[in-house]
Amino acid sequence: MEDNQVYRTRQRRYRKKRLRKGRILFVTLVIVILSILAYSFYQYKQGLELAGEQPEENIDFIADEKEGGIVNFLLIGVDSRGEEKSRSDTMMVLSWNKDSNELKLVSFMRDIYADIPGYDHWKLNTAYYLGGVQLLKDTLNHMFDIPIHHYMVIDFQSFESLIDILAPNGVEIEVEKDMSAYIGVSLSKGVQQLNGKELLGYARFRHDAEGDFGRVERQQKVMDALKDELLKPQNIKNLPKLIGAAQGYVVTDLTASEELKTALSVMAGGTPNIEKMTIPVEGTYQFKSYQRAGSVIEIDVETNKEMLHEFLNLAE
């Protein structure tokens, strides 16, 4: 009888000890979660304060209907230099397959001789000047029958600031040659850690034999490097501040929660490669000059449309 009582006493002490350890573990876990949330909110607020208020833009954007798991983002880079209206310096479509986590990037040359709805033929980058995001989207829809579901517009000065938030130690890029002409920075050949201003200068360099085609290739290379930076574990802590700053630096139809959800979804799927394409495709264009538009790239629209659809796996 006495042995049973000792056994029961020991059992009670053991259960109390386990319960106490469980409570300590639970409280510790709650403290850690609250600390992470508090840090994230603080960083997000810092980003908001850094960028200031979101630019007031009256953008009447009509998104195309989504089919399947493919989401297409129209990415527009502008060099406004304080002007009210500007041409789009960079035009890309980033296609994300949510099911497979595949990323595909299509760059459109800015000098494409484009049939702009309601304005006849001009260079493609004139569409944004004439009618903003919607007219550029309508032009791409009209020429290439490509669905676009979201958009992001970023000024180059804002791009520099966002890069410095995402990667405070710089973005690793292999600079293929010495560069300095008309880009505001001097870059040396070789692997470099580029800050925001340097990375922008690298992406915009076009004063060599490759001209705008080399420039577009470098822009795609930069996008690939930024994807890698975004997915690095050590940079996850910078995401809240980055998204906060993006509210003031980037004009988009996405909310902050949608931006975060998209970024985390891509990160959760691993580190995807980015397949790249440039329109026009080699051998499908010629250089022309027109009085109304100047020097342009005249393309075989149907061939480029077919190859684009094949690249993006668009159903006919």
Protein backbone atom coordinates (compact mmCIF):
# COMPACT_ATOMS: atom_id res chain seq x y z
CA MET A 1 0.00 0.00 0.00
CA GLU A 2 2.79 2.36 0.93
CA ASP A 3 4.60 1.58 -2.36
CA ASN A 4 1.46 2.48 -4.36
CA GLN A 5 1.17 5.82 -2.59
CA VAL A 6 4.81 6.64 -3.37
CA TYR A 7 4.25 5.68 -6.99
CA ARG A 8 1.17 7.94 -7.26
CA THR A 9 3.04 10.82 -5.68
CA ARG A 10 5.87 10.45 -8.17
CA GLN A 11 3.38 10.29 -11.03
CA ARG A 12 1.70 13.55 -9.89
CA ARG A 13 5.09 15.27 -9.64
CA TYR A 14 6.05 14.01 -13.10
CA ARG A 15 2.78 15.29 -14.64
CA LYS A 16 3.19 18.67 -12.95
CA LYS A 17 6.76 18.90 -14.22
CA ARG A 18 5.68 18.06 -17.78
CA LEU A 19 2.82 20.56 -17.56
CA ARG A 20 5.19 23.25 -16.32
CA LYS A 21 7.63 22.55 -19.18
CA GLY A 22 4.75 22.63 -21.68
CA ARG A 23 3.60 26.01 -20.35
CA ILE A 24 7.12 27.41 -20.52
CA LEU A 25 7.47 26.16 -24.12
CA PHE A 26 4.08 27.63 -25.09
CA VAL A 27 4.85 31.01 -23.51
CA THR A 28 8.26 31.06 -25.18
CA LEU A 29 6.68 30.28 -28.55
CA VAL A 30 4.09 33.04 -28.11
CA ILE A 31 6.83 35.53 -27.17
CA VAL A 32 8.87 34.58 -30.25
CA ILE A 33 5.85 34.93 -32.57
CA LEU A 34 4.87 38.27 -31.05
CA SER A 35 8.47 39.48 -31.34
CA ILE A 36 8.60 38.52 -35.03
CA LEU A 37 5.26 40.25 -35.67
CA ALA A 38 6.37 43.35 -33.77
CA TYR A 39 9.68 43.47 -35.67
CA SER A 40 7.91 42.96 -39.00
CA PHE A 41 5.37 45.70 -38.25
CA TYR A 42 8.14 48.07 -37.15
CA GLN A 43 10.12 47.38 -40.32
CA TYR A 44 6.99 47.80 -42.46
CA LYS A 45 6.27 51.17 -40.83
CA GLN A 46 9.88 52.21 -41.38
CA GLY A 47 9.50 51.38 -45.06
CA LEU A 48 6.30 53.42 -45.28
CA GLU A 49 7.94 56.42 -43.62
CA LEU A 50 11.01 56.12 -45.83
CA ALA A 51 9.01 56.21 -49.07
CA GLY A 52 6.32 58.64 -47.98
CA GLU A 53 2.74 58.39 -49.16
CA GLN A 54 1.71 56.32 -52.14
CA PRO A 55 1.74 58.42 -55.32
CA GLU A 56 -1.72 59.49 -56.30
CA GLU A 57 -2.37 57.93 -59.68
CA ASN A 58 -5.68 57.75 -61.45
CA ILE A 59 -5.14 54.47 -63.24
CA ASP A 60 -8.20 52.92 -64.81
CA PHE A 61 -6.78 49.42 -65.10
CA ILE A 62 -8.98 46.61 -66.36
CA ALA A 63 -7.42 43.24 -65.63
CA ASP A 64 -7.88 40.30 -67.98
CA GLU A 65 -9.57 37.18 -66.67
CA LYS A 66 -7.29 34.53 -65.18
CA GLU A 67 -7.32 31.07 -66.70
CA GLY A 68 -5.71 28.24 -64.79
CA GLY A 69 -2.76 28.96 -62.53
CA ILE A 70 -0.96 31.49 -64.75
CA VAL A 71 -0.64 35.08 -63.52
CA ASN A 72 0.95 37.74 -65.74
CA PHE A 73 2.40 40.96 -64.31
CA LEU A 74 3.11 43.96 -66.54
CA LEU A 75 6.31 45.58 -65.24
CA ILE A 76 6.95 49.16 -66.35
CA GLY A 77 10.08 51.19 -65.61
CA VAL A 78 9.92 54.93 -66.23
CA ASP A 79 12.48 57.72 -66.12
CA SER A 80 10.18 60.62 -65.27
CA ARG A 81 12.86 63.13 -64.21
CA GLY A 82 10.12 65.15 -62.55
CA GLU A 83 7.98 65.34 -65.68
CA GLU A 84 4.24 64.79 -65.42
CA LYS A 85 4.17 62.41 -68.40
CA SER A 86 6.94 60.13 -69.57
CA ARG A 87 7.57 57.25 -71.92
CA SER A 88 8.11 53.75 -70.56
CA ASP A 89 11.81 52.98 -70.63
CA THR A 90 11.38 49.33 -69.66
CA MET A 91 8.46 47.04 -70.53
CA MET A 92 8.33 43.45 -69.33
CA VAL A 93 5.76 40.78 -68.62
CA LEU A 94 6.58 38.44 -65.74
CA SER A 95 4.53 35.23 -66.01
CA TRP A 96 4.17 33.11 -62.87
CA ASN A 97 2.71 29.62 -62.87
CA LYS A 98 1.33 29.25 -59.36
CA ASP A 99 1.00 25.47 -59.69
CA SER A 100 4.58 24.72 -60.82
CA ASN A 101 6.20 27.93 -59.47
CA GLU A 102 7.75 28.53 -62.91
CA LEU A 103 8.74 32.09 -63.79
CA LYS A 104 8.99 33.40 -67.35
CA LEU A 105 10.12 36.89 -68.30
CA VAL A 106 9.37 38.60 -71.60
CA SER A 107 11.02 41.90 -72.53
CA PHE A 108 9.53 44.13 -75.22
CA MET A 109 11.90 46.42 -77.10
CA ARG A 110 10.82 50.02 -76.63
CA ASP A 111 11.39 50.95 -80.30
CA ILE A 112 8.97 48.34 -81.69
CA TYR A 113 6.79 50.00 -84.34
CA ALA A 114 3.48 49.36 -82.62
CA ASP A 115 -0.14 49.71 -83.64
CA ILE A 116 -1.41 51.72 -80.68
CA PRO A 117 -5.23 51.57 -80.43
CA GLY A 118 -6.69 54.98 -81.24
CA TYR A 119 -3.32 56.53 -82.17
CA ASP A 120 -2.09 54.65 -85.28
CA HIS A 121 1.57 53.54 -85.33
CA TRP A 122 4.21 54.84 -82.93
CA LYS A 123 7.06 53.36 -80.93
CA LEU A 124 5.79 50.96 -78.29
CA ASN A 125 7.09 53.08 -75.41
CA THR A 126 4.87 55.96 -76.64
CA ALA A 127 1.75 54.01 -75.59
CA TYR A 128 2.46 54.68 -71.91
CA TYR A 129 3.03 58.39 -72.66
CA LEU A 130 -0.27 58.66 -74.53
CA GLY A 131 -2.52 56.66 -72.24
CA GLY A 132 -0.64 55.22 -69.28
CA VAL A 133 -0.77 51.62 -68.08
CA GLN A 134 -4.11 50.78 -69.68
CA LEU A 135 -3.13 51.91 -73.19
CA LEU A 136 0.18 50.02 -72.99
CA LYS A 137 -1.74 46.94 -71.84
CA ASP A 138 -4.29 47.41 -74.65
CA THR A 139 -1.45 47.70 -77.18
CA LEU A 140 0.16 44.46 -76.03
CA ASN A 141 -3.26 42.77 -75.99
CA HIS A 142 -3.99 44.04 -79.50
CA MET A 143 -0.63 43.08 -81.04
CA PHE A 144 0.17 39.84 -79.22
CA ASP A 145 -3.09 38.68 -77.62
CA ILE A 146 -1.38 38.30 -74.25
CA PRO A 147 -3.50 38.44 -71.04
CA ILE A 148 -2.30 40.78 -68.30
CA HIS A 149 -3.64 40.46 -64.76
CA HIS A 150 -1.63 42.94 -62.68
CA TYR A 151 0.76 45.83 -63.20
CA MET A 152 3.63 47.55 -61.43
CA VAL A 153 5.13 50.91 -62.36
CA ILE A 154 8.39 52.06 -60.81
CA ASP A 155 10.43 55.18 -61.34
CA PHE A 156 14.16 54.57 -61.67
CA GLN A 157 15.04 56.69 -58.65
CA SER A 158 12.65 54.60 -56.54
CA PHE A 159 14.22 51.44 -57.97
CA GLU A 160 17.59 52.47 -56.52
CA SER A 161 16.09 52.90 -53.04
CA LEU A 162 14.24 49.57 -53.11
CA ILE A 163 17.41 47.71 -54.11
CA ASP A 164 19.32 49.20 -51.18
CA ILE A 165 16.55 48.03 -48.83
CA LEU A 166 16.39 44.51 -50.25
CA ALA A 167 20.16 43.98 -50.45
CA PRO A 168 22.04 46.42 -48.18
CA ASN A 169 25.34 44.75 -49.11
CA GLY A 170 24.68 45.05 -52.83
CA VAL A 171 23.55 42.68 -55.58
CA GLU A 172 26.14 40.37 -57.11
CA ILE A 173 26.47 40.91 -60.87
CA GLU A 174 29.17 39.89 -63.31
CA VAL A 175 29.88 43.09 -65.24
CA GLU A 176 30.98 41.98 -68.70
CA LYS A 177 32.93 45.14 -69.59
CA ASP A 178 33.99 48.50 -68.20
CA MET A 179 30.99 50.85 -68.27
CA SER A 180 30.63 54.54 -67.60
CA ALA A 181 29.07 56.37 -70.56
CA TYR A 182 25.81 58.17 -69.72
CA ILE A 183 24.85 55.96 -66.75
CA GLY A 184 26.00 58.17 -63.87
CA VAL A 185 28.39 55.57 -62.42
CA SER A 186 31.66 53.88 -63.38
CA LEU A 187 31.67 50.09 -63.38
CA SER A 188 34.67 47.82 -63.80
CA LYS A 189 34.67 44.47 -65.57
CA GLY A 190 34.27 41.45 -63.28
CA VAL A 191 32.04 40.21 -60.47
CA GLN A 192 30.80 43.19 -58.45
CA GLN A 193 28.46 43.90 -55.53
CA LEU A 194 26.34 46.70 -56.99
CA ASN A 195 24.23 49.08 -54.92
CA GLY A 196 20.95 50.48 -56.23
CA LYS A 197 22.44 53.31 -58.28
CA GLU A 198 25.14 51.10 -59.77
CA LEU A 199 22.68 48.32 -60.58
CA LEU A 200 20.40 50.78 -62.37
CA GLY A 201 23.35 52.16 -64.32
CA TYR A 202 24.35 48.64 -65.34
CA ALA A 203 20.79 47.81 -66.46
CA ARG A 204 20.53 50.98 -68.56
CA PHE A 205 23.91 50.87 -70.30
CA ARG A 206 23.51 50.68 -74.10
CA HIS A 207 26.48 52.54 -75.55
CA ASP A 208 28.12 49.64 -77.33
CA ALA A 209 27.59 47.62 -80.52
CA GLU A 210 24.66 45.71 -79.00
CA GLY A 211 22.69 48.89 -78.29
CA ASP A 212 19.19 48.37 -76.88
CA PHE A 213 19.31 44.61 -77.40
CA GLY A 214 22.29 44.33 -75.04
CA ARG A 215 20.49 46.65 -72.64
CA VAL A 216 17.42 44.40 -72.56
CA GLU A 217 19.64 41.37 -71.94
CA ARG A 218 21.23 43.15 -68.97
CA GLN A 219 17.80 44.08 -67.61
CA GLN A 220 16.80 40.42 -67.69
CA LYS A 221 20.06 39.51 -65.97
CA VAL A 222 19.27 42.05 -63.24
CA MET A 223 15.77 40.60 -62.76
CA ASP A 224 17.29 37.15 -62.32
CA ALA A 225 19.76 38.49 -59.74
CA LEU A 226 16.96 40.27 -57.84
CA LYS A 227 14.94 37.07 -57.74
CA ASP A 228 17.93 35.33 -56.14
CA GLU A 229 18.33 38.15 -53.60
CA LEU A 230 14.64 38.03 -52.72
CA LEU A 231 14.84 34.30 -52.03
CA LYS A 232 18.01 34.39 -49.90
CA PRO A 233 17.21 33.40 -46.28
CA GLN A 234 19.30 36.28 -44.91
CA ASN A 235 17.16 38.79 -46.81
CA ILE A 236 13.79 37.55 -45.53
CA LYS A 237 14.09 39.98 -42.62
CA ASN A 238 14.15 42.85 -45.14
CA LEU A 239 10.81 41.89 -46.74
CA PRO A 240 8.50 43.88 -44.40
CA LYS A 241 10.50 47.08 -44.89
CA LEU A 242 10.71 46.45 -48.63
CA ILE A 243 6.95 46.00 -48.94
CA GLY A 244 6.34 49.07 -46.79
CA ALA A 245 8.59 51.18 -48.99
CA ALA A 246 6.98 49.73 -52.10
CA GLN A 247 3.68 51.32 -51.07
CA GLY A 248 5.22 54.70 -51.80
CA TYR A 249 7.72 53.80 -54.50
CA VAL A 250 5.67 51.44 -56.68
CA VAL A 251 2.33 52.15 -58.33
CA THR A 252 0.39 48.89 -58.58
CA ASP A 253 -3.08 47.38 -58.41
CA LEU A 254 -1.83 44.92 -55.76
CA THR A 255 -2.42 45.57 -52.06
CA ALA A 256 0.41 45.21 -49.53
CA SER A 257 -1.04 41.88 -48.33
CA GLU A 258 -1.24 40.60 -51.92
CA GLU A 259 2.38 41.62 -52.55
CA LEU A 260 3.52 39.78 -49.41
CA LYS A 261 1.39 36.72 -50.21
CA THR A 262 2.82 36.53 -53.74
CA ALA A 263 6.42 36.89 -52.53
CA LEU A 264 5.98 34.25 -49.83
CA SER A 265 4.25 31.87 -52.27
CA VAL A 266 7.18 32.08 -54.68
CA MET A 267 9.66 31.62 -51.83
CA ALA A 268 7.76 28.61 -50.48
CA GLY A 269 8.08 26.92 -53.86
CA GLY A 270 11.89 26.93 -53.76
CA THR A 271 14.26 28.86 -55.99
CA PRO A 272 12.83 28.85 -59.51
CA ASN A 273 14.84 29.67 -62.60
CA ILE A 274 13.57 32.47 -64.81
CA GLU A 275 13.14 31.57 -68.46
CA LYS A 276 13.68 34.63 -70.64
CA MET A 277 12.49 35.87 -74.02
CA THR A 278 12.86 39.12 -75.95
CA ILE A 279 10.35 40.49 -78.43
CA PRO A 280 11.14 40.76 -81.28
CA VAL A 281 12.76 37.36 -81.73
CA GLU A 282 15.97 37.23 -83.75
CA GLY A 283 15.33 37.12 -87.50
CA THR A 284 11.78 38.54 -87.23
CA TYR A 285 12.46 42.27 -87.54
CA GLN A 286 14.15 45.01 -89.51
CA PHE A 287 15.18 48.56 -88.76
CA LYS A 288 13.13 51.28 -90.46
CA SER A 289 12.71 55.02 -90.20
CA TYR A 290 9.46 56.98 -90.41
CA GLN A 291 8.99 60.71 -90.25
CA ARG A 292 6.32 60.52 -87.55
CA ALA A 293 8.15 58.03 -85.30
CA GLY A 294 11.85 58.23 -86.17
CA SER A 295 14.06 55.11 -86.13
CA VAL A 296 11.97 52.06 -85.25
CA ILE A 297 12.05 48.26 -85.16
CA GLU A 298 9.47 46.91 -87.58
CA ILE A 299 8.54 43.36 -86.62
CA ASP A 300 6.73 40.37 -88.05
CA VAL A 301 3.84 40.57 -85.59
CA GLU A 302 2.25 37.19 -86.35
CA THR A 303 5.52 35.24 -86.03
CA ASN A 304 6.39 36.97 -82.76
CA LYS A 305 2.86 36.40 -81.48
CA GLU A 306 3.07 32.67 -82.24
CA MET A 307 6.48 32.31 -80.59
CA LEU A 308 5.34 34.31 -77.57
CA HIS A 309 2.26 32.09 -77.14
CA GLU A 310 4.42 29.01 -77.38
CA PHE A 311 6.86 30.38 -74.80
CA LEU A 312 4.09 31.27 -72.33
CA ASN A 313 2.04 28.13 -73.04
CA LEU A 314 -1.00 30.21 -73.96
CA ALA A 315 -3.92 28.17 -75.18
CA GLU A 316 -5.07 29.09 -78.67
